[in-house]
Amino acid sequence: MATAVAATSDRLGQILVHDGLITSEQLAQAVADQKTSKHRLGYVLVKLGMVAEIEITKVLARQYRMPAVDLSRFEADPKIVKLIPSEMAVKNVVLPLKREGRTLTVAMADPTDLGLLEDLKFITR
């Protein structure tokens, strides 16, 4: 179920500048804000109104070579949702989407959280 996440070597800010979504100056401003706020860069960029959240999502999906899922267009199957305890799902912002054989596909806020992936693998055997 859990697969190691292979990210590209480019960082989020570099990709956004390369794609023309922000300028180098905007990136520098956001990085400075990030250092004082301790928030992730994507959050800071959205909060400052520099980039739309959907654009951050698309870039992160590309960066981590994973599909982005629009959950507003997704209807969860109650049988599948029950595979992950609700407290765990809420705390970790994770939603099971589908199960095919022994493979469970999940949407999660932080696909780099390998500890969570291991926990999910253990509880959904």
PDB file of N, CA and C in Angstrom:
ATOM      1  N   MET A   1       0.813  -1.182   0.000  1.00  0.00           N
ATOM      2  CA  MET A   1       0.000   0.000   0.000  1.00  0.00           C
ATOM      3  C   MET A   1       0.857   1.247   0.000  1.00  0.00           C
ATOM      4  N   ALA A   2       1.751   1.382   0.945  1.00  0.00           N
ATOM      5  CA  ALA A   2       2.584   2.580   1.009  1.00  0.00           C
ATOM      6  C   ALA A   2       3.727   2.465   0.021  1.00  0.00           C
ATOM      7  N   THR A   3       3.921   3.523  -0.711  1.00  0.00           N
ATOM      8  CA  THR A   3       5.011   3.578  -1.666  1.00  0.00           C
ATOM      9  C   THR A   3       5.853   4.789  -1.324  1.00  0.00           C
ATOM     10  N   ALA A   4       7.146   4.647  -1.376  1.00  0.00           N
ATOM     11  CA  ALA A   4       8.016   5.787  -1.103  1.00  0.00           C
ATOM     12  C   ALA A   4       7.736   6.886  -2.111  1.00  0.00           C
ATOM     13  N   VAL A   5       7.722   8.098  -1.631  1.00  0.00           N
ATOM     14  CA  VAL A   5       7.423   9.249  -2.471  1.00  0.00           C
ATOM     15  C   VAL A   5       8.716   9.745  -3.098  1.00  0.00           C
ATOM     16  N   ALA A   6       8.764   9.751  -4.417  1.00  0.00           N
ATOM     17  CA  ALA A   6       9.954  10.222  -5.128  1.00  0.00           C
ATOM     18  C   ALA A   6       9.680  11.621  -5.651  1.00  0.00           C
ATOM     19  N   ALA A   7      10.270  12.602  -5.027  1.00  0.00           N
ATOM     20  CA  ALA A   7      10.070  13.979  -5.457  1.00  0.00           C
ATOM     21  C   ALA A   7      11.138  14.366  -6.464  1.00  0.00           C
ATOM     22  N   THR A   8      10.816  15.372  -7.269  1.00  0.00           N
ATOM     23  CA  THR A   8      11.837  15.907  -8.153  1.00  0.00           C
ATOM     24  C   THR A   8      12.810  16.690  -7.290  1.00  0.00           C
ATOM     25  N   SER A   9      13.992  16.950  -7.812  1.00  0.00           N
ATOM     26  CA  SER A   9      14.993  17.666  -7.021  1.00  0.00           C
ATOM     27  C   SER A   9      14.694  19.158  -6.933  1.00  0.00           C
ATOM     28  N   ASP A  10      13.839  19.673  -7.811  1.00  0.00           N
ATOM     29  CA  ASP A  10      13.489  21.085  -7.767  1.00  0.00           C
ATOM     30  C   ASP A  10      12.596  21.358  -6.561  1.00  0.00           C
ATOM     31  N   ARG A  11      12.791  22.502  -5.951  1.00  0.00           N
ATOM     32  CA  ARG A  11      11.993  22.887  -4.797  1.00  0.00           C
ATOM     33  C   ARG A  11      10.774  23.657  -5.273  1.00  0.00           C
ATOM     34  N   LEU A  12       9.751  23.706  -4.425  1.00  0.00           N
ATOM     35  CA  LEU A  12       8.484  24.343  -4.776  1.00  0.00           C
ATOM     36  C   LEU A  12       8.689  25.759  -5.303  1.00  0.00           C
ATOM     37  N   GLY A  13       9.437  26.571  -4.578  1.00  0.00           N
ATOM     38  CA  GLY A  13       9.646  27.953  -5.003  1.00  0.00           C
ATOM     39  C   GLY A  13      10.301  28.059  -6.366  1.00  0.00           C
ATOM     40  N   GLN A  14      11.306  27.209  -6.614  1.00  0.00           N
ATOM     41  CA  GLN A  14      11.993  27.214  -7.907  1.00  0.00           C
ATOM     42  C   GLN A  14      11.029  26.864  -9.037  1.00  0.00           C
ATOM     43  N   ILE A  15      10.173  25.888  -8.794  1.00  0.00           N
ATOM     44  CA  ILE A  15       9.214  25.472  -9.819  1.00  0.00           C
ATOM     45  C   ILE A  15       8.230  26.601 -10.106  1.00  0.00           C
ATOM     46  N   LEU A  16       7.734  27.249  -9.058  1.00  0.00           N
ATOM     47  CA  LEU A  16       6.770  28.337  -9.240  1.00  0.00           C
ATOM     48  C   LEU A  16       7.377  29.499 -10.021  1.00  0.00           C
ATOM     49  N   VAL A  17       8.637  29.825  -9.735  1.00  0.00           N
ATOM     50  CA  VAL A  17       9.322  30.891 -10.485  1.00  0.00           C
ATOM     51  C   VAL A  17       9.521  30.448 -11.928  1.00  0.00           C
ATOM     52  N   HIS A  18      10.006  29.229 -12.125  1.00  0.00           N
ATOM     53  CA  HIS A  18      10.237  28.702 -13.476  1.00  0.00           C
ATOM     54  C   HIS A  18       8.956  28.709 -14.302  1.00  0.00           C
ATOM     55  N   ASP A  19       7.830  28.357 -13.670  1.00  0.00           N
ATOM     56  CA  ASP A  19       6.545  28.306 -14.370  1.00  0.00           C
ATOM     57  C   ASP A  19       5.916  29.683 -14.553  1.00  0.00           C
ATOM     58  N   GLY A  20       6.539  30.718 -14.014  1.00  0.00           N
ATOM     59  CA  GLY A  20       6.009  32.069 -14.162  1.00  0.00           C
ATOM     60  C   GLY A  20       4.835  32.377 -13.252  1.00  0.00           C
ATOM     61  N   LEU A  21       4.638  31.568 -12.215  1.00  0.00           N
ATOM     62  CA  LEU A  21       3.518  31.801 -11.305  1.00  0.00           C
ATOM     63  C   LEU A  21       3.852  32.847 -10.245  1.00  0.00           C
ATOM     64  N   ILE A  22       5.143  33.000  -9.932  1.00  0.00           N
ATOM     65  CA  ILE A  22       5.612  34.057  -9.038  1.00  0.00           C
ATOM     66  C   ILE A  22       6.955  34.565  -9.565  1.00  0.00           C
ATOM     67  N   THR A  23       7.351  35.727  -9.070  1.00  0.00           N
ATOM     68  CA  THR A  23       8.660  36.274  -9.436  1.00  0.00           C
ATOM     69  C   THR A  23       9.687  35.863  -8.378  1.00  0.00           C
ATOM     70  N   SER A  24      10.944  36.055  -8.689  1.00  0.00           N
ATOM     71  CA  SER A  24      12.011  35.781  -7.717  1.00  0.00           C
ATOM     72  C   SER A  24      11.855  36.669  -6.483  1.00  0.00           C
ATOM     73  N   GLU A  25      11.401  37.904  -6.712  1.00  0.00           N
ATOM     74  CA  GLU A  25      11.197  38.831  -5.600  1.00  0.00           C
ATOM     75  C   GLU A  25      10.074  38.343  -4.692  1.00  0.00           C
ATOM     76  N   GLN A  26       8.989  37.853  -5.289  1.00  0.00           N
ATOM     77  CA  GLN A  26       7.890  37.314  -4.485  1.00  0.00           C
ATOM     78  C   GLN A  26       8.346  36.096  -3.688  1.00  0.00           C
ATOM     79  N   LEU A  27       9.152  35.254  -4.316  1.00  0.00           N
ATOM     80  CA  LEU A  27       9.676  34.082  -3.615  1.00  0.00           C
ATOM     81  C   LEU A  27      10.516  34.512  -2.419  1.00  0.00           C
ATOM     82  N   ALA A  28      11.381  35.496  -2.614  1.00  0.00           N
ATOM     83  CA  ALA A  28      12.225  35.982  -1.516  1.00  0.00           C
ATOM     84  C   ALA A  28      11.371  36.529  -0.372  1.00  0.00           C
ATOM     85  N   GLN A  29      10.322  37.271  -0.713  1.00  0.00           N
ATOM     86  CA  GLN A  29       9.420  37.820   0.307  1.00  0.00           C
ATOM     87  C   GLN A  29       8.724  36.690   1.065  1.00  0.00           C
ATOM     88  N   ALA A  30       8.251  35.686   0.336  1.00  0.00           N
ATOM     89  CA  ALA A  30       7.553  34.562   0.967  1.00  0.00           C
ATOM     90  C   ALA A  30       8.493  33.748   1.854  1.00  0.00           C
ATOM     91  N   VAL A  31       9.726  33.552   1.402  1.00  0.00           N
ATOM     92  CA  VAL A  31      10.712  32.808   2.205  1.00  0.00           C
ATOM     93  C   VAL A  31      11.011  33.570   3.497  1.00  0.00           C
ATOM     94  N   ALA A  32      11.123  34.895   3.412  1.00  0.00           N
ATOM     95  CA  ALA A  32      11.358  35.704   4.615  1.00  0.00           C
ATOM     96  C   ALA A  32      10.184  35.569   5.584  1.00  0.00           C
ATOM     97  N   ASP A  33       8.968  35.615   5.054  1.00  0.00           N
ATOM     98  CA  ASP A  33       7.767  35.452   5.883  1.00  0.00           C
ATOM     99  C   ASP A  33       7.733  34.051   6.490  1.00  0.00           C
ATOM    100  N   GLN A  34       8.137  33.068   5.701  1.00  0.00           N
ATOM    101  CA  GLN A  34       8.142  31.676   6.157  1.00  0.00           C
ATOM    102  C   GLN A  34       9.070  31.498   7.361  1.00  0.00           C
ATOM    103  N   LYS A  35      10.207  32.164   7.336  1.00  0.00           N
ATOM    104  CA  LYS A  35      11.179  32.026   8.431  1.00  0.00           C
ATOM    105  C   LYS A  35      10.614  32.533   9.749  1.00  0.00           C
ATOM    106  N   THR A  36       9.813  33.590   9.699  1.00  0.00           N
ATOM    107  CA  THR A  36       9.243  34.125  10.939  1.00  0.00           C
ATOM    108  C   THR A  36       7.967  33.403  11.345  1.00  0.00           C
ATOM    109  N   SER A  37       7.183  32.958  10.377  1.00  0.00           N
ATOM    110  CA  SER A  37       5.898  32.318  10.691  1.00  0.00           C
ATOM    111  C   SER A  37       6.021  30.824  10.960  1.00  0.00           C
ATOM    112  N   LYS A  38       7.087  30.205  10.459  1.00  0.00           N
ATOM    113  CA  LYS A  38       7.316  28.751  10.595  1.00  0.00           C
ATOM    114  C   LYS A  38       6.291  27.909   9.825  1.00  0.00           C
ATOM    115  N   HIS A  39       5.569  28.533   8.883  1.00  0.00           N
ATOM    116  CA  HIS A  39       4.620  27.799   8.042  1.00  0.00           C
ATOM    117  C   HIS A  39       5.332  27.297   6.791  1.00  0.00           C
ATOM    118  N   ARG A  40       4.707  26.349   6.115  1.00  0.00           N
ATOM    119  CA  ARG A  40       5.263  25.851   4.858  1.00  0.00           C
ATOM    120  C   ARG A  40       5.138  26.927   3.782  1.00  0.00           C
ATOM    121  N   LEU A  41       6.050  26.858   2.816  1.00  0.00           N
ATOM    122  CA  LEU A  41       6.103  27.884   1.777  1.00  0.00           C
ATOM    123  C   LEU A  41       4.787  27.994   1.007  1.00  0.00           C
ATOM    124  N   GLY A  42       4.197  26.881   0.641  1.00  0.00           N
ATOM    125  CA  GLY A  42       2.941  26.922  -0.102  1.00  0.00           C
ATOM    126  C   GLY A  42       1.855  27.668   0.650  1.00  0.00           C
ATOM    127  N   TYR A  43       1.755  27.410   1.947  1.00  0.00           N
ATOM    128  CA  TYR A  43       0.767  28.094   2.790  1.00  0.00           C
ATOM    129  C   TYR A  43       1.025  29.600   2.790  1.00  0.00           C
ATOM    130  N   VAL A  44       2.282  29.979   2.950  1.00  0.00           N
ATOM    131  CA  VAL A  44       2.654  31.397   2.990  1.00  0.00           C
ATOM    132  C   VAL A  44       2.306  32.079   1.669  1.00  0.00           C
ATOM    133  N   LEU A  45       2.628  31.441   0.565  1.00  0.00           N
ATOM    134  CA  LEU A  45       2.338  32.025  -0.751  1.00  0.00           C
ATOM    135  C   LEU A  45       0.840  32.241  -0.952  1.00  0.00           C
ATOM    136  N   VAL A  46       0.040  31.285  -0.509  1.00  0.00           N
ATOM    137  CA  VAL A  46      -1.417  31.421  -0.625  1.00  0.00           C
ATOM    138  C   VAL A  46      -1.904  32.525   0.310  1.00  0.00           C
ATOM    139  N   LYS A  47      -1.415  32.520   1.552  1.00  0.00           N
ATOM    140  CA  LYS A  47      -1.825  33.517   2.541  1.00  0.00           C
ATOM    141  C   LYS A  47      -1.509  34.935   2.069  1.00  0.00           C
ATOM    142  N   LEU A  48      -0.366  35.108   1.422  1.00  0.00           N
ATOM    143  CA  LEU A  48       0.026  36.427   0.918  1.00  0.00           C
ATOM    144  C   LEU A  48      -0.682  36.791  -0.386  1.00  0.00           C
ATOM    145  N   GLY A  49      -1.465  35.866  -0.935  1.00  0.00           N
ATOM    146  CA  GLY A  49      -2.206  36.136  -2.164  1.00  0.00           C
ATOM    147  C   GLY A  49      -1.357  36.098  -3.417  1.00  0.00           C
ATOM    148  N   MET A  50      -0.205  35.467  -3.334  1.00  0.00           N
ATOM    149  CA  MET A  50       0.702  35.413  -4.483  1.00  0.00           C
ATOM    150  C   MET A  50       0.352  34.300  -5.458  1.00  0.00           C
ATOM    151  N   VAL A  51      -0.201  33.217  -4.940  1.00  0.00           N
ATOM    152  CA  VAL A  51      -0.534  32.057  -5.771  1.00  0.00           C
ATOM    153  C   VAL A  51      -1.836  31.459  -5.251  1.00  0.00           C
ATOM    154  N   ALA A  52      -2.681  31.007  -6.158  1.00  0.00           N
ATOM    155  CA  ALA A  52      -3.917  30.331  -5.759  1.00  0.00           C
ATOM    156  C   ALA A  52      -3.587  28.941  -5.209  1.00  0.00           C
ATOM    157  N   GLU A  53      -4.377  28.507  -4.247  1.00  0.00           N
ATOM    158  CA  GLU A  53      -4.151  27.201  -3.625  1.00  0.00           C
ATOM    159  C   GLU A  53      -4.150  26.073  -4.653  1.00  0.00           C
ATOM    160  N   ILE A  54      -5.010  26.161  -5.653  1.00  0.00           N
ATOM    161  CA  ILE A  54      -5.081  25.106  -6.673  1.00  0.00           C
ATOM    162  C   ILE A  54      -3.763  25.015  -7.442  1.00  0.00           C
ATOM    163  N   GLU A  55      -3.109  26.148  -7.669  1.00  0.00           N
ATOM    164  CA  GLU A  55      -1.821  26.139  -8.375  1.00  0.00           C
ATOM    165  C   GLU A  55      -0.741  25.468  -7.531  1.00  0.00           C
ATOM    166  N   ILE A  56      -0.754  25.739  -6.222  1.00  0.00           N
ATOM    167  CA  ILE A  56       0.195  25.073  -5.320  1.00  0.00           C
ATOM    168  C   ILE A  56      -0.046  23.568  -5.361  1.00  0.00           C
ATOM    169  N   THR A  57      -1.303  23.176  -5.316  1.00  0.00           N
ATOM    170  CA  THR A  57      -1.656  21.750  -5.351  1.00  0.00           C
ATOM    171  C   THR A  57      -1.155  21.098  -6.633  1.00  0.00           C
ATOM    172  N   LYS A  58      -1.360  21.755  -7.763  1.00  0.00           N
ATOM    173  CA  LYS A  58      -0.914  21.197  -9.048  1.00  0.00           C
ATOM    174  C   LYS A  58       0.606  21.040  -9.100  1.00  0.00           C
ATOM    175  N   VAL A  59       1.317  22.055  -8.611  1.00  0.00           N
ATOM    176  CA  VAL A  59       2.781  21.993  -8.636  1.00  0.00           C
ATOM    177  C   VAL A  59       3.286  20.905  -7.688  1.00  0.00           C
ATOM    178  N   LEU A  60       2.707  20.821  -6.499  1.00  0.00           N
ATOM    179  CA  LEU A  60       3.127  19.778  -5.560  1.00  0.00           C
ATOM    180  C   LEU A  60       2.846  18.387  -6.118  1.00  0.00           C
ATOM    181  N   ALA A  61       1.705  18.225  -6.779  1.00  0.00           N
ATOM    182  CA  ALA A  61       1.384  16.928  -7.387  1.00  0.00           C
ATOM    183  C   ALA A  61       2.428  16.567  -8.439  1.00  0.00           C
ATOM    184  N   ARG A  62       2.796  17.544  -9.237  1.00  0.00           N
ATOM    185  CA  ARG A  62       3.829  17.308 -10.255  1.00  0.00           C
ATOM    186  C   ARG A  62       5.180  17.034  -9.592  1.00  0.00           C
ATOM    187  N   GLN A  63       5.505  17.800  -8.564  1.00  0.00           N
ATOM    188  CA  GLN A  63       6.780  17.649  -7.876  1.00  0.00           C
ATOM    189  C   GLN A  63       6.915  16.253  -7.264  1.00  0.00           C
ATOM    190  N   TYR A  64       5.845  15.752  -6.679  1.00  0.00           N
ATOM    191  CA  TYR A  64       5.891  14.437  -6.032  1.00  0.00           C
ATOM    192  C   TYR A  64       5.426  13.305  -6.942  1.00  0.00           C
ATOM    193  N   ARG A  65       5.173  13.641  -8.191  1.00  0.00           N
ATOM    194  CA  ARG A  65       4.748  12.645  -9.183  1.00  0.00           C
ATOM    195  C   ARG A  65       3.542  11.845  -8.698  1.00  0.00           C
ATOM    196  N   MET A  66       2.543  12.578  -8.226  1.00  0.00           N
ATOM    197  CA  MET A  66       1.306  11.983  -7.732  1.00  0.00           C
ATOM    198  C   MET A  66       0.140  12.760  -8.321  1.00  0.00           C
ATOM    199  N   PRO A  67      -0.977  12.093  -8.501  1.00  0.00           N
ATOM    200  CA  PRO A  67      -2.143  12.828  -8.996  1.00  0.00           C
ATOM    201  C   PRO A  67      -2.743  13.697  -7.897  1.00  0.00           C
ATOM    202  N   ALA A  68      -3.260  14.840  -8.287  1.00  0.00           N
ATOM    203  CA  ALA A  68      -4.016  15.679  -7.353  1.00  0.00           C
ATOM    204  C   ALA A  68      -5.476  15.258  -7.459  1.00  0.00           C
ATOM    205  N   VAL A  69      -6.167  15.243  -6.346  1.00  0.00           N
ATOM    206  CA  VAL A  69      -7.561  14.811  -6.322  1.00  0.00           C
ATOM    207  C   VAL A  69      -8.424  15.969  -5.849  1.00  0.00           C
ATOM    208  N   ASP A  70      -9.454  16.293  -6.617  1.00  0.00           N
ATOM    209  CA  ASP A  70     -10.415  17.312  -6.204  1.00  0.00           C
ATOM    210  C   ASP A  70     -11.474  16.605  -5.368  1.00  0.00           C
ATOM    211  N   LEU A  71     -11.347  16.701  -4.054  1.00  0.00           N
ATOM    212  CA  LEU A  71     -12.245  15.966  -3.168  1.00  0.00           C
ATOM    213  C   LEU A  71     -13.666  16.506  -3.192  1.00  0.00           C
ATOM    214  N   SER A  72     -13.864  17.717  -3.690  1.00  0.00           N
ATOM    215  CA  SER A  72     -15.224  18.247  -3.783  1.00  0.00           C
ATOM    216  C   SER A  72     -16.028  17.510  -4.857  1.00  0.00           C
ATOM    217  N   ARG A  73     -15.334  16.804  -5.725  1.00  0.00           N
ATOM    218  CA  ARG A  73     -16.001  16.039  -6.787  1.00  0.00           C
ATOM    219  C   ARG A  73     -15.945  14.541  -6.522  1.00  0.00           C
ATOM    220  N   PHE A  74     -15.606  14.183  -5.303  1.00  0.00           N
ATOM    221  CA  PHE A  74     -15.428  12.780  -4.968  1.00  0.00           C
ATOM    222  C   PHE A  74     -16.455  12.370  -3.931  1.00  0.00           C
ATOM    223  N   GLU A  75     -17.115  11.247  -4.165  1.00  0.00           N
ATOM    224  CA  GLU A  75     -18.064  10.714  -3.198  1.00  0.00           C
ATOM    225  C   GLU A  75     -17.426   9.519  -2.506  1.00  0.00           C
ATOM    226  N   ALA A  76     -17.224   9.670  -1.212  1.00  0.00           N
ATOM    227  CA  ALA A  76     -16.550   8.623  -0.441  1.00  0.00           C
ATOM    228  C   ALA A  76     -17.466   7.426  -0.214  1.00  0.00           C
ATOM    229  N   ASP A  77     -16.904   6.238  -0.327  1.00  0.00           N
ATOM    230  CA  ASP A  77     -17.612   4.991  -0.044  1.00  0.00           C
ATOM    231  C   ASP A  77     -17.497   4.728   1.455  1.00  0.00           C
ATOM    232  N   PRO A  78     -18.616   4.688   2.182  1.00  0.00           N
ATOM    233  CA  PRO A  78     -18.564   4.490   3.633  1.00  0.00           C
ATOM    234  C   PRO A  78     -17.797   3.232   4.052  1.00  0.00           C
ATOM    235  N   LYS A  79     -17.860   2.176   3.254  1.00  0.00           N
ATOM    236  CA  LYS A  79     -17.128   0.945   3.585  1.00  0.00           C
ATOM    237  C   LYS A  79     -15.619   1.186   3.549  1.00  0.00           C
ATOM    238  N   ILE A  80     -15.182   1.972   2.590  1.00  0.00           N
ATOM    239  CA  ILE A  80     -13.756   2.268   2.448  1.00  0.00           C
ATOM    240  C   ILE A  80     -13.311   3.257   3.532  1.00  0.00           C
ATOM    241  N   VAL A  81     -14.140   4.253   3.802  1.00  0.00           N
ATOM    242  CA  VAL A  81     -13.804   5.265   4.809  1.00  0.00           C
ATOM    243  C   VAL A  81     -13.578   4.621   6.173  1.00  0.00           C
ATOM    244  N   LYS A  82     -14.337   3.581   6.480  1.00  0.00           N
ATOM    245  CA  LYS A  82     -14.226   2.908   7.782  1.00  0.00           C
ATOM    246  C   LYS A  82     -12.904   2.167   7.960  1.00  0.00           C
ATOM    247  N   LEU A  83     -12.129   2.016   6.901  1.00  0.00           N
ATOM    248  CA  LEU A  83     -10.854   1.313   7.008  1.00  0.00           C
ATOM    249  C   LEU A  83      -9.828   2.077   7.849  1.00  0.00           C
ATOM    250  N   ILE A  84     -10.005   3.386   7.951  1.00  0.00           N
ATOM    251  CA  ILE A  84      -9.093   4.212   8.743  1.00  0.00           C
ATOM    252  C   ILE A  84      -9.892   4.821   9.893  1.00  0.00           C
ATOM    253  N   PRO A  85      -9.433   4.639  11.137  1.00  0.00           N
ATOM    254  CA  PRO A  85     -10.151   5.227  12.272  1.00  0.00           C
ATOM    255  C   PRO A  85     -10.347   6.733  12.080  1.00  0.00           C
ATOM    256  N   SER A  86     -11.540   7.217  12.410  1.00  0.00           N
ATOM    257  CA  SER A  86     -11.868   8.616  12.145  1.00  0.00           C
ATOM    258  C   SER A  86     -10.916   9.585  12.842  1.00  0.00           C
ATOM    259  N   GLU A  87     -10.495   9.258  14.081  1.00  0.00           N
ATOM    260  CA  GLU A  87      -9.569  10.155  14.787  1.00  0.00           C
ATOM    261  C   GLU A  87      -8.258  10.291  14.012  1.00  0.00           C
ATOM    262  N   MET A  88      -7.783   9.173  13.488  1.00  0.00           N
ATOM    263  CA  MET A  88      -6.535   9.174  12.727  1.00  0.00           C
ATOM    264  C   MET A  88      -6.705   9.954  11.424  1.00  0.00           C
ATOM    265  N   ALA A  89      -7.845   9.755  10.777  1.00  0.00           N
ATOM    266  CA  ALA A  89      -8.109  10.435   9.507  1.00  0.00           C
ATOM    267  C   ALA A  89      -8.157  11.950   9.697  1.00  0.00           C
ATOM    268  N   VAL A  90      -8.842  12.388  10.748  1.00  0.00           N
ATOM    269  CA  VAL A  90      -8.968  13.824  11.003  1.00  0.00           C
ATOM    270  C   VAL A  90      -7.623  14.416  11.416  1.00  0.00           C
ATOM    271  N   LYS A  91      -6.943  13.765  12.351  1.00  0.00           N
ATOM    272  CA  LYS A  91      -5.663  14.273  12.854  1.00  0.00           C
ATOM    273  C   LYS A  91      -4.625  14.409  11.742  1.00  0.00           C
ATOM    274  N   ASN A  92      -4.593  13.439  10.828  1.00  0.00           N
ATOM    275  CA  ASN A  92      -3.570  13.406   9.784  1.00  0.00           C
ATOM    276  C   ASN A  92      -4.047  13.896   8.426  1.00  0.00           C
ATOM    277  N   VAL A  93      -5.296  14.332   8.337  1.00  0.00           N
ATOM    278  CA  VAL A  93      -5.896  14.806   7.095  1.00  0.00           C
ATOM    279  C   VAL A  93      -5.658  13.776   5.990  1.00  0.00           C
ATOM    280  N   VAL A  94      -6.256  12.608   6.192  1.00  0.00           N
ATOM    281  CA  VAL A  94      -6.129  11.509   5.237  1.00  0.00           C
ATOM    282  C   VAL A  94      -7.514  10.917   4.981  1.00  0.00           C
ATOM    283  N   LEU A  95      -7.795  10.582   3.730  1.00  0.00           N
ATOM    284  CA  LEU A  95      -9.086  10.016   3.352  1.00  0.00           C
ATOM    285  C   LEU A  95      -8.857   8.839   2.418  1.00  0.00           C
ATOM    286  N   PRO A  96      -9.350   7.657   2.794  1.00  0.00           N
ATOM    287  CA  PRO A  96      -9.239   6.525   1.875  1.00  0.00           C
ATOM    288  C   PRO A  96     -10.179   6.728   0.689  1.00  0.00           C
ATOM    289  N   LEU A  97      -9.679   6.509  -0.515  1.00  0.00           N
ATOM    290  CA  LEU A  97     -10.462   6.747  -1.726  1.00  0.00           C
ATOM    291  C   LEU A  97     -11.008   5.470  -2.346  1.00  0.00           C
ATOM    292  N   LYS A  98     -10.139   4.468  -2.486  1.00  0.00           N
ATOM    293  CA  LYS A  98     -10.591   3.214  -3.094  1.00  0.00           C
ATOM    294  C   LYS A  98      -9.668   2.089  -2.674  1.00  0.00           C
ATOM    295  N   ARG A  99     -10.202   0.894  -2.789  1.00  0.00           N
ATOM    296  CA  ARG A  99      -9.406  -0.292  -2.496  1.00  0.00           C
ATOM    297  C   ARG A  99      -9.545  -1.241  -3.668  1.00  0.00           C
ATOM    298  N   GLU A 100      -8.405  -1.684  -4.173  1.00  0.00           N
ATOM    299  CA  GLU A 100      -8.367  -2.670  -5.254  1.00  0.00           C
ATOM    300  C   GLU A 100      -7.455  -3.787  -4.789  1.00  0.00           C
ATOM    301  N   GLY A 101      -8.053  -4.917  -4.452  1.00  0.00           N
ATOM    302  CA  GLY A 101      -7.267  -6.018  -3.911  1.00  0.00           C
ATOM    303  C   GLY A 101      -6.657  -5.602  -2.592  1.00  0.00           C
ATOM    304  N   ARG A 102      -5.341  -5.708  -2.493  1.00  0.00           N
ATOM    305  CA  ARG A 102      -4.644  -5.333  -1.256  1.00  0.00           C
ATOM    306  C   ARG A 102      -4.129  -3.896  -1.286  1.00  0.00           C
ATOM    307  N   THR A 103      -4.473  -3.156  -2.334  1.00  0.00           N
ATOM    308  CA  THR A 103      -3.988  -1.782  -2.477  1.00  0.00           C
ATOM    309  C   THR A 103      -5.070  -0.789  -2.068  1.00  0.00           C
ATOM    310  N   LEU A 104      -4.738   0.059  -1.107  1.00  0.00           N
ATOM    311  CA  LEU A 104      -5.634   1.118  -0.665  1.00  0.00           C
ATOM    312  C   LEU A 104      -5.069   2.445  -1.164  1.00  0.00           C
ATOM    313  N   THR A 105      -5.881   3.187  -1.897  1.00  0.00           N
ATOM    314  CA  THR A 105      -5.481   4.501  -2.384  1.00  0.00           C
ATOM    315  C   THR A 105      -6.055   5.544  -1.442  1.00  0.00           C
ATOM    316  N   VAL A 106      -5.205   6.454  -0.982  1.00  0.00           N
ATOM    317  CA  VAL A 106      -5.645   7.485  -0.050  1.00  0.00           C
ATOM    318  C   VAL A 106      -5.290   8.866  -0.579  1.00  0.00           C
ATOM    319  N   ALA A 107      -6.087   9.848  -0.169  1.00  0.00           N
ATOM    320  CA  ALA A 107      -5.745  11.257  -0.372  1.00  0.00           C
ATOM    321  C   ALA A 107      -5.221  11.735   0.970  1.00  0.00           C
ATOM    322  N   MET A 108      -4.095  12.442   0.943  1.00  0.00           N
ATOM    323  CA  MET A 108      -3.535  12.923   2.202  1.00  0.00           C
ATOM    324  C   MET A 108      -2.905  14.290   2.021  1.00  0.00           C
ATOM    325  N   ALA A 109      -2.976  15.072   3.086  1.00  0.00           N
ATOM    326  CA  ALA A 109      -2.439  16.427   3.026  1.00  0.00           C
ATOM    327  C   ALA A 109      -0.928  16.429   2.862  1.00  0.00           C
ATOM    328  N   ASP A 110      -0.244  15.443   3.461  1.00  0.00           N
ATOM    329  CA  ASP A 110       1.215  15.406   3.395  1.00  0.00           C
ATOM    330  C   ASP A 110       1.688  14.044   2.903  1.00  0.00           C
ATOM    331  N   PRO A 111       1.821  13.886   1.593  1.00  0.00           N
ATOM    332  CA  PRO A 111       2.244  12.584   1.063  1.00  0.00           C
ATOM    333  C   PRO A 111       3.689  12.227   1.391  1.00  0.00           C
ATOM    334  N   THR A 112       4.417  13.143   2.011  1.00  0.00           N
ATOM    335  CA  THR A 112       5.793  12.838   2.408  1.00  0.00           C
ATOM    336  C   THR A 112       5.866  12.239   3.808  1.00  0.00           C
ATOM    337  N   ASP A 113       4.741  12.118   4.481  1.00  0.00           N
ATOM    338  CA  ASP A 113       4.703  11.588   5.850  1.00  0.00           C
ATOM    339  C   ASP A 113       4.818  10.067   5.812  1.00  0.00           C
ATOM    340  N   LEU A 114       6.056   9.580   5.745  1.00  0.00           N
ATOM    341  CA  LEU A 114       6.290   8.142   5.626  1.00  0.00           C
ATOM    342  C   LEU A 114       5.864   7.386   6.873  1.00  0.00           C
ATOM    343  N   GLY A 115       5.921   8.031   8.032  1.00  0.00           N
ATOM    344  CA  GLY A 115       5.446   7.399   9.264  1.00  0.00           C
ATOM    345  C   GLY A 115       3.960   7.106   9.184  1.00  0.00           C
ATOM    346  N   LEU A 116       3.196   8.060   8.670  1.00  0.00           N
ATOM    347  CA  LEU A 116       1.759   7.854   8.499  1.00  0.00           C
ATOM    348  C   LEU A 116       1.495   6.741   7.497  1.00  0.00           C
ATOM    349  N   LEU A 117       2.251   6.716   6.412  1.00  0.00           N
ATOM    350  CA  LEU A 117       2.069   5.649   5.425  1.00  0.00           C
ATOM    351  C   LEU A 117       2.314   4.281   6.050  1.00  0.00           C
ATOM    352  N   GLU A 118       3.324   4.173   6.890  1.00  0.00           N
ATOM    353  CA  GLU A 118       3.593   2.902   7.576  1.00  0.00           C
ATOM    354  C   GLU A 118       2.455   2.547   8.526  1.00  0.00           C
ATOM    355  N   ASP A 119       1.938   3.537   9.261  1.00  0.00           N
ATOM    356  CA  ASP A 119       0.801   3.294  10.158  1.00  0.00           C
ATOM    357  C   ASP A 119      -0.414   2.820   9.374  1.00  0.00           C
ATOM    358  N   LEU A 120      -0.676   3.459   8.239  1.00  0.00           N
ATOM    359  CA  LEU A 120      -1.814   3.064   7.404  1.00  0.00           C
ATOM    360  C   LEU A 120      -1.639   1.645   6.885  1.00  0.00           C
ATOM    361  N   LYS A 121      -0.434   1.327   6.485  1.00  0.00           N
ATOM    362  CA  LYS A 121      -0.149  -0.021   5.997  1.00  0.00           C
ATOM    363  C   LYS A 121      -0.457  -1.050   7.093  1.00  0.00           C
ATOM    364  N   PHE A 122      -0.065  -0.738   8.315  1.00  0.00           N
ATOM    365  CA  PHE A 122      -0.256  -1.660   9.433  1.00  0.00           C
ATOM    366  C   PHE A 122      -1.737  -1.847   9.768  1.00  0.00           C
ATOM    367  N   ILE A 123      -2.504  -0.744   9.856  1.00  0.00           N
ATOM    368  CA  ILE A 123      -3.896  -0.873  10.300  1.00  0.00           C
ATOM    369  C   ILE A 123      -4.847  -1.358   9.215  1.00  0.00           C
ATOM    370  N   THR A 124      -4.427  -1.320   7.959  1.00  0.00           N
ATOM    371  CA  THR A 124      -5.341  -1.722   6.876  1.00  0.00           C
ATOM    372  C   THR A 124      -4.981  -3.068   6.266  1.00  0.00           C
ATOM    373  N   ARG A 125      -4.175  -3.852   6.933  1.00  0.00           N
ATOM    374  CA  ARG A 125      -3.792  -5.177   6.408  1.00  0.00           C
ATOM    375  C   ARG A 125      -4.983  -6.077   6.286  1.00  0.00           C
TER     376      ARG A 125
END
